PDB file of all heavy atoms in Angstrom:
ATOM      1  N   ASP A   1      21.635  34.193   6.890  1.00  0.00           N
ATOM      2  CA  ASP A   1      21.040  34.431   5.614  1.00  0.00           C
ATOM      3  C   ASP A   1      21.518  33.419   4.587  1.00  0.00           C
ATOM      4  O   ASP A   1      21.112  33.380   3.469  1.00  0.00           O
ATOM      5  CB  ASP A   1      21.491  35.847   5.120  1.00  0.00           C
ATOM      6  CG  ASP A   1      20.801  36.980   6.011  1.00  0.00           C
ATOM      7  OD1 ASP A   1      19.696  36.834   6.313  1.00  0.00           O
ATOM      8  OD2 ASP A   1      21.552  37.985   6.244  1.00  0.00           O
ATOM      9  N   THR A   2      22.494  32.548   5.000  1.00  0.00           N
ATOM     10  CA  THR A   2      22.991  31.479   4.108  1.00  0.00           C
ATOM     11  C   THR A   2      21.870  30.653   3.574  1.00  0.00           C
ATOM     12  O   THR A   2      21.169  30.104   4.438  1.00  0.00           O
ATOM     13  CB  THR A   2      24.094  30.766   4.817  1.00  0.00           C
ATOM     14  OG1 THR A   2      25.246  31.597   5.159  1.00  0.00           O
ATOM     15  CG2 THR A   2      24.610  29.684   3.896  1.00  0.00           C
ATOM     16  N   ALA A   3      21.844  30.601   2.240  1.00  0.00           N
ATOM     17  CA  ALA A   3      20.741  29.676   1.710  1.00  0.00           C
ATOM     18  C   ALA A   3      20.866  29.809   0.258  1.00  0.00           C
ATOM     19  O   ALA A   3      21.611  30.668  -0.252  1.00  0.00           O
ATOM     20  CB  ALA A   3      19.340  30.259   2.210  1.00  0.00           C
ATOM     21  N   LEU A   4      20.020  28.933  -0.369  1.00  0.00           N
ATOM     22  CA  LEU A   4      19.795  29.050  -1.858  1.00  0.00           C
ATOM     23  C   LEU A   4      18.597  30.028  -1.980  1.00  0.00           C
ATOM     24  O   LEU A   4      17.528  29.876  -1.420  1.00  0.00           O
ATOM     25  CB  LEU A   4      19.279  27.742  -2.421  1.00  0.00           C
ATOM     26  CG  LEU A   4      20.428  26.838  -3.102  1.00  0.00           C
ATOM     27  CD1 LEU A   4      19.843  25.518  -3.572  1.00  0.00           C
ATOM     28  CD2 LEU A   4      21.031  27.577  -4.360  1.00  0.00           C
ATOM     29  N   TYR A   5      18.867  31.031  -2.882  1.00  0.00           N
ATOM     30  CA  TYR A   5      17.839  31.996  -3.121  1.00  0.00           C
ATOM     31  C   TYR A   5      17.148  31.789  -4.387  1.00  0.00           C
ATOM     32  O   TYR A   5      17.830  31.801  -5.505  1.00  0.00           O
ATOM     33  CB  TYR A   5      18.433  33.406  -3.059  1.00  0.00           C
ATOM     34  CG  TYR A   5      18.671  33.811  -1.523  1.00  0.00           C
ATOM     35  CD1 TYR A   5      19.820  33.228  -0.843  1.00  0.00           C
ATOM     36  CD2 TYR A   5      17.989  34.947  -1.068  1.00  0.00           C
ATOM     37  CE1 TYR A   5      19.982  33.681   0.417  1.00  0.00           C
ATOM     38  CE2 TYR A   5      18.190  35.322   0.330  1.00  0.00           C
ATOM     39  CZ  TYR A   5      19.177  34.707   1.013  1.00  0.00           C
ATOM     40  OH  TYR A   5      19.456  35.170   2.307  1.00  0.00           O
ATOM     41  N   TYR A   6      15.849  31.751  -4.261  1.00  0.00           N
ATOM     42  CA  TYR A   6      14.991  31.535  -5.557  1.00  0.00           C
ATOM     43  C   TYR A   6      14.167  32.713  -5.914  1.00  0.00           C
ATOM     44  O   TYR A   6      13.613  33.314  -5.078  1.00  0.00           O
ATOM     45  CB  TYR A   6      14.084  30.341  -5.279  1.00  0.00           C
ATOM     46  CG  TYR A   6      14.791  29.063  -5.137  1.00  0.00           C
ATOM     47  CD1 TYR A   6      15.020  28.622  -3.778  1.00  0.00           C
ATOM     48  CD2 TYR A   6      15.108  28.176  -6.093  1.00  0.00           C
ATOM     49  CE1 TYR A   6      15.725  27.406  -3.578  1.00  0.00           C
ATOM     50  CE2 TYR A   6      15.713  26.888  -5.962  1.00  0.00           C
ATOM     51  CZ  TYR A   6      16.059  26.582  -4.656  1.00  0.00           C
ATOM     52  OH  TYR A   6      16.614  25.357  -4.399  1.00  0.00           O
ATOM     53  N   CYS A   7      14.232  32.979  -7.250  1.00  0.00           N
ATOM     54  CA  CYS A   7      13.257  33.974  -7.710  1.00  0.00           C
ATOM     55  C   CYS A   7      11.968  33.303  -8.210  1.00  0.00           C
ATOM     56  O   CYS A   7      11.938  32.186  -8.670  1.00  0.00           O
ATOM     57  CB  CYS A   7      14.042  34.607  -8.973  1.00  0.00           C
ATOM     58  SG  CYS A   7      12.970  35.893  -9.778  1.00  0.00           S
ATOM     59  N   ALA A   8      10.933  33.973  -8.038  1.00  0.00           N
ATOM     60  CA  ALA A   8       9.580  33.295  -8.352  1.00  0.00           C
ATOM     61  C   ALA A   8       8.682  34.351  -8.933  1.00  0.00           C
ATOM     62  O   ALA A   8       8.601  35.593  -8.561  1.00  0.00           O
ATOM     63  CB  ALA A   8       8.967  32.697  -7.081  1.00  0.00           C
ATOM     64  N   ALA A   9       7.722  33.924  -9.831  1.00  0.00           N
ATOM     65  CA  ALA A   9       6.859  34.836 -10.569  1.00  0.00           C
ATOM     66  C   ALA A   9       5.395  34.298  -9.968  1.00  0.00           C
ATOM     67  O   ALA A   9       5.026  33.228  -9.915  1.00  0.00           O
ATOM     68  CB  ALA A   9       6.862  34.653 -12.006  1.00  0.00           C
ATOM     69  N   GLY A  10       4.664  35.288  -9.661  1.00  0.00           N
ATOM     70  CA  GLY A  10       3.331  34.998  -9.166  1.00  0.00           C
ATOM     71  C   GLY A  10       2.347  34.414 -10.236  1.00  0.00           C
ATOM     72  O   GLY A  10       2.625  34.495 -11.388  1.00  0.00           O
ATOM     73  N   SER A  11       1.285  33.811  -9.833  1.00  0.00           N
ATOM     74  CA  SER A  11       0.366  33.039 -10.670  1.00  0.00           C
ATOM     75  C   SER A  11      -0.802  33.950 -11.154  1.00  0.00           C
ATOM     76  O   SER A  11      -1.443  33.512 -12.161  1.00  0.00           O
ATOM     77  CB  SER A  11      -0.139  31.781 -10.035  1.00  0.00           C
ATOM     78  OG  SER A  11      -0.933  32.169  -8.720  1.00  0.00           O
ATOM     79  N   GLN A  12      -1.141  35.014 -10.474  1.00  0.00           N
ATOM     80  CA  GLN A  12      -2.227  35.821 -10.955  1.00  0.00           C
ATOM     81  C   GLN A  12      -1.790  37.124 -11.546  1.00  0.00           C
ATOM     82  O   GLN A  12      -1.034  37.865 -10.857  1.00  0.00           O
ATOM     83  CB  GLN A  12      -3.148  36.041  -9.751  1.00  0.00           C
ATOM     84  CG  GLN A  12      -4.388  36.836  -9.993  1.00  0.00           C
ATOM     85  CD  GLN A  12      -5.244  37.102  -8.785  1.00  0.00           C
ATOM     86  OE1 GLN A  12      -5.184  36.275  -7.855  1.00  0.00           O
ATOM     87  NE2 GLN A  12      -6.070  37.991  -8.811  1.00  0.00           N
ATOM     88  N   ALA A  13      -2.295  37.422 -12.636  1.00  0.00           N
ATOM     89  CA  ALA A  13      -1.999  38.645 -13.374  1.00  0.00           C
ATOM     90  C   ALA A  13      -2.584  39.790 -12.646  1.00  0.00           C
ATOM     91  O   ALA A  13      -3.707  39.719 -12.139  1.00  0.00           O
ATOM     92  CB  ALA A  13      -2.488  38.690 -14.791  1.00  0.00           C
ATOM     93  N   TYR A  14      -1.799  40.800 -12.485  1.00  0.00           N
ATOM     94  CA  TYR A  14      -2.378  42.102 -11.957  1.00  0.00           C
ATOM     95  C   TYR A  14      -2.876  41.910 -10.535  1.00  0.00           C
ATOM     96  O   TYR A  14      -3.891  42.527 -10.066  1.00  0.00           O
ATOM     97  CB  TYR A  14      -3.408  42.767 -12.751  1.00  0.00           C
ATOM     98  CG  TYR A  14      -2.998  43.189 -14.115  1.00  0.00           C
ATOM     99  CD1 TYR A  14      -3.411  42.421 -15.237  1.00  0.00           C
ATOM    100  CD2 TYR A  14      -2.030  44.171 -14.400  1.00  0.00           C
ATOM    101  CE1 TYR A  14      -2.971  42.710 -16.559  1.00  0.00           C
ATOM    102  CE2 TYR A  14      -1.627  44.483 -15.594  1.00  0.00           C
ATOM    103  CZ  TYR A  14      -2.107  43.838 -16.785  1.00  0.00           C
ATOM    104  OH  TYR A  14      -1.529  44.065 -17.984  1.00  0.00           O
ATOM    105  N   SER A  15      -2.223  41.090  -9.803  1.00  0.00           N
ATOM    106  CA  SER A  15      -2.570  40.822  -8.342  1.00  0.00           C
ATOM    107  C   SER A  15      -2.534  42.092  -7.599  1.00  0.00           C
ATOM    108  O   SER A  15      -1.474  42.844  -7.729  1.00  0.00           O
ATOM    109  CB  SER A  15      -1.803  39.699  -7.729  1.00  0.00           C
ATOM    110  OG  SER A  15      -2.120  39.487  -6.470  1.00  0.00           O
ATOM    111  N   LYS A  16      -3.480  42.413  -6.754  1.00  0.00           N
ATOM    112  CA  LYS A  16      -3.433  43.684  -5.957  1.00  0.00           C
ATOM    113  C   LYS A  16      -2.350  43.572  -4.824  1.00  0.00           C
ATOM    114  O   LYS A  16      -1.857  44.633  -4.493  1.00  0.00           O
ATOM    115  CB  LYS A  16      -4.791  43.879  -5.248  1.00  0.00           C
ATOM    116  CG  LYS A  16      -5.875  44.129  -6.341  1.00  0.00           C
ATOM    117  CD  LYS A  16      -7.214  44.486  -5.544  1.00  0.00           C
ATOM    118  CE  LYS A  16      -8.333  44.809  -6.579  1.00  0.00           C
ATOM    119  NZ  LYS A  16      -9.580  45.043  -5.957  1.00  0.00           N
ATOM    120  N   TYR A  17      -2.010  42.459  -4.473  1.00  0.00           N
ATOM    121  CA  TYR A  17      -1.181  42.350  -3.195  1.00  0.00           C
ATOM    122  C   TYR A  17      -0.313  41.160  -3.324  1.00  0.00           C
ATOM    123  O   TYR A  17      -0.758  40.104  -3.683  1.00  0.00           O
ATOM    124  CB  TYR A  17      -1.918  42.344  -1.992  1.00  0.00           C
ATOM    125  CG  TYR A  17      -1.095  42.615  -0.691  1.00  0.00           C
ATOM    126  CD1 TYR A  17      -1.030  43.999  -0.358  1.00  0.00           C
ATOM    127  CD2 TYR A  17      -0.700  41.730   0.123  1.00  0.00           C
ATOM    128  CE1 TYR A  17      -0.191  44.422   0.737  1.00  0.00           C
ATOM    129  CE2 TYR A  17      -0.049  41.986   1.285  1.00  0.00           C
ATOM    130  CZ  TYR A  17       0.219  43.315   1.637  1.00  0.00           C
ATOM    131  OH  TYR A  17       0.867  43.723   2.696  1.00  0.00           O
ATOM    132  N   PRO A  18       0.918  41.299  -3.094  1.00  0.00           N
ATOM    133  CA  PRO A  18       1.893  40.173  -3.288  1.00  0.00           C
ATOM    134  C   PRO A  18       1.644  39.083  -2.272  1.00  0.00           C
ATOM    135  O   PRO A  18       1.318  39.361  -1.146  1.00  0.00           O
ATOM    136  CB  PRO A  18       3.342  40.741  -3.033  1.00  0.00           C
ATOM    137  CG  PRO A  18       3.179  42.131  -3.258  1.00  0.00           C
ATOM    138  CD  PRO A  18       1.778  42.517  -2.895  1.00  0.00           C
ATOM    139  N   ALA A  19       1.885  37.846  -2.703  1.00  0.00           N
ATOM    140  CA  ALA A  19       1.667  36.621  -1.760  1.00  0.00           C
ATOM    141  C   ALA A  19       2.911  36.426  -1.028  1.00  0.00           C
ATOM    142  O   ALA A  19       4.077  36.619  -1.496  1.00  0.00           O
ATOM    143  CB  ALA A  19       1.197  35.445  -2.520  1.00  0.00           C
ATOM    144  N   ARG A  20       2.832  35.828   0.172  1.00  0.00           N
ATOM    145  CA  ARG A  20       3.868  35.423   0.998  1.00  0.00           C
ATOM    146  C   ARG A  20       4.116  33.907   0.954  1.00  0.00           C
ATOM    147  O   ARG A  20       5.057  33.420   1.519  1.00  0.00           O
ATOM    148  CB  ARG A  20       3.551  35.809   2.458  1.00  0.00           C
ATOM    149  CG  ARG A  20       3.683  37.294   2.869  1.00  0.00           C
ATOM    150  CD  ARG A  20       3.349  37.528   4.202  1.00  0.00           C
ATOM    151  NE  ARG A  20       3.612  39.014   4.611  1.00  0.00           N
ATOM    152  CZ  ARG A  20       4.679  39.470   5.091  1.00  0.00           C
ATOM    153  NH1 ARG A  20       5.774  38.663   5.320  1.00  0.00           N
ATOM    154  NH2 ARG A  20       4.778  40.843   5.429  1.00  0.00           N
ATOM    155  N   THR A  21       3.157  33.208   0.421  1.00  0.00           N
ATOM    156  CA  THR A  21       3.228  31.756   0.402  1.00  0.00           C
ATOM    157  C   THR A  21       3.628  31.122  -0.884  1.00  0.00           C
ATOM    158  O   THR A  21       3.395  31.751  -1.839  1.00  0.00           O
ATOM    159  CB  THR A  21       1.925  31.132   0.889  1.00  0.00           C
ATOM    160  OG1 THR A  21       0.829  31.625  -0.045  1.00  0.00           O
ATOM    161  CG2 THR A  21       1.465  31.502   2.167  1.00  0.00           C
ATOM    162  N   LEU A  22       4.158  29.948  -0.893  1.00  0.00           N
ATOM    163  CA  LEU A  22       4.673  29.226  -2.016  1.00  0.00           C
ATOM    164  C   LEU A  22       3.596  29.131  -3.109  1.00  0.00           C
ATOM    165  O   LEU A  22       3.909  29.233  -4.300  1.00  0.00           O
ATOM    166  CB  LEU A  22       5.211  27.894  -1.560  1.00  0.00           C
ATOM    167  CG  LEU A  22       6.505  27.847  -0.858  1.00  0.00           C
ATOM    168  CD1 LEU A  22       6.728  26.428  -0.379  1.00  0.00           C
ATOM    169  CD2 LEU A  22       7.675  28.347  -1.541  1.00  0.00           C
ATOM    170  N   ASP A  23       2.376  28.792  -2.667  1.00  0.00           N
ATOM    171  CA  ASP A  23       1.279  28.555  -3.664  1.00  0.00           C
ATOM    172  C   ASP A  23       0.856  29.868  -4.327  1.00  0.00           C
ATOM    173  O   ASP A  23      -0.074  29.768  -5.227  1.00  0.00           O
ATOM    174  CB  ASP A  23       0.086  27.888  -2.947  1.00  0.00           C
ATOM    175  CG  ASP A  23      -0.637  28.592  -1.880  1.00  0.00           C
ATOM    176  OD1 ASP A  23      -0.067  29.789  -1.499  1.00  0.00           O
ATOM    177  OD2 ASP A  23      -1.459  28.100  -1.216  1.00  0.00           O
ATOM    178  N   GLY A  24       1.381  30.934  -4.081  1.00  0.00           N
ATOM    179  CA  GLY A  24       1.047  32.155  -4.779  1.00  0.00           C
ATOM    180  C   GLY A  24       1.958  32.386  -5.920  1.00  0.00           C
ATOM    181  O   GLY A  24       1.732  33.395  -6.785  1.00  0.00           O
ATOM    182  N   TYR A  25       2.924  31.522  -6.202  1.00  0.00           N
ATOM    183  CA  TYR A  25       3.731  31.499  -7.342  1.00  0.00           C
ATOM    184  C   TYR A  25       3.839  30.279  -8.170  1.00  0.00           C
ATOM    185  O   TYR A  25       3.672  29.106  -7.521  1.00  0.00           O
ATOM    186  CB  TYR A  25       5.121  31.860  -6.777  1.00  0.00           C
ATOM    187  CG  TYR A  25       5.214  33.101  -5.940  1.00  0.00           C
ATOM    188  CD1 TYR A  25       4.866  33.101  -4.573  1.00  0.00           C
ATOM    189  CD2 TYR A  25       5.545  34.297  -6.554  1.00  0.00           C
ATOM    190  CE1 TYR A  25       4.838  34.294  -3.875  1.00  0.00           C
ATOM    191  CE2 TYR A  25       5.595  35.534  -5.919  1.00  0.00           C
ATOM    192  CZ  TYR A  25       5.219  35.505  -4.547  1.00  0.00           C
ATOM    193  OH  TYR A  25       5.166  36.640  -3.715  1.00  0.00           O
TER     194      TYR A  25
END
């Protein structure tokens, strides 16, 4: 689990389902 942990906000308002990919944020 050792890593740099990043918080990210999604790009689409009121998205129905969270993204798993980088381009979703």
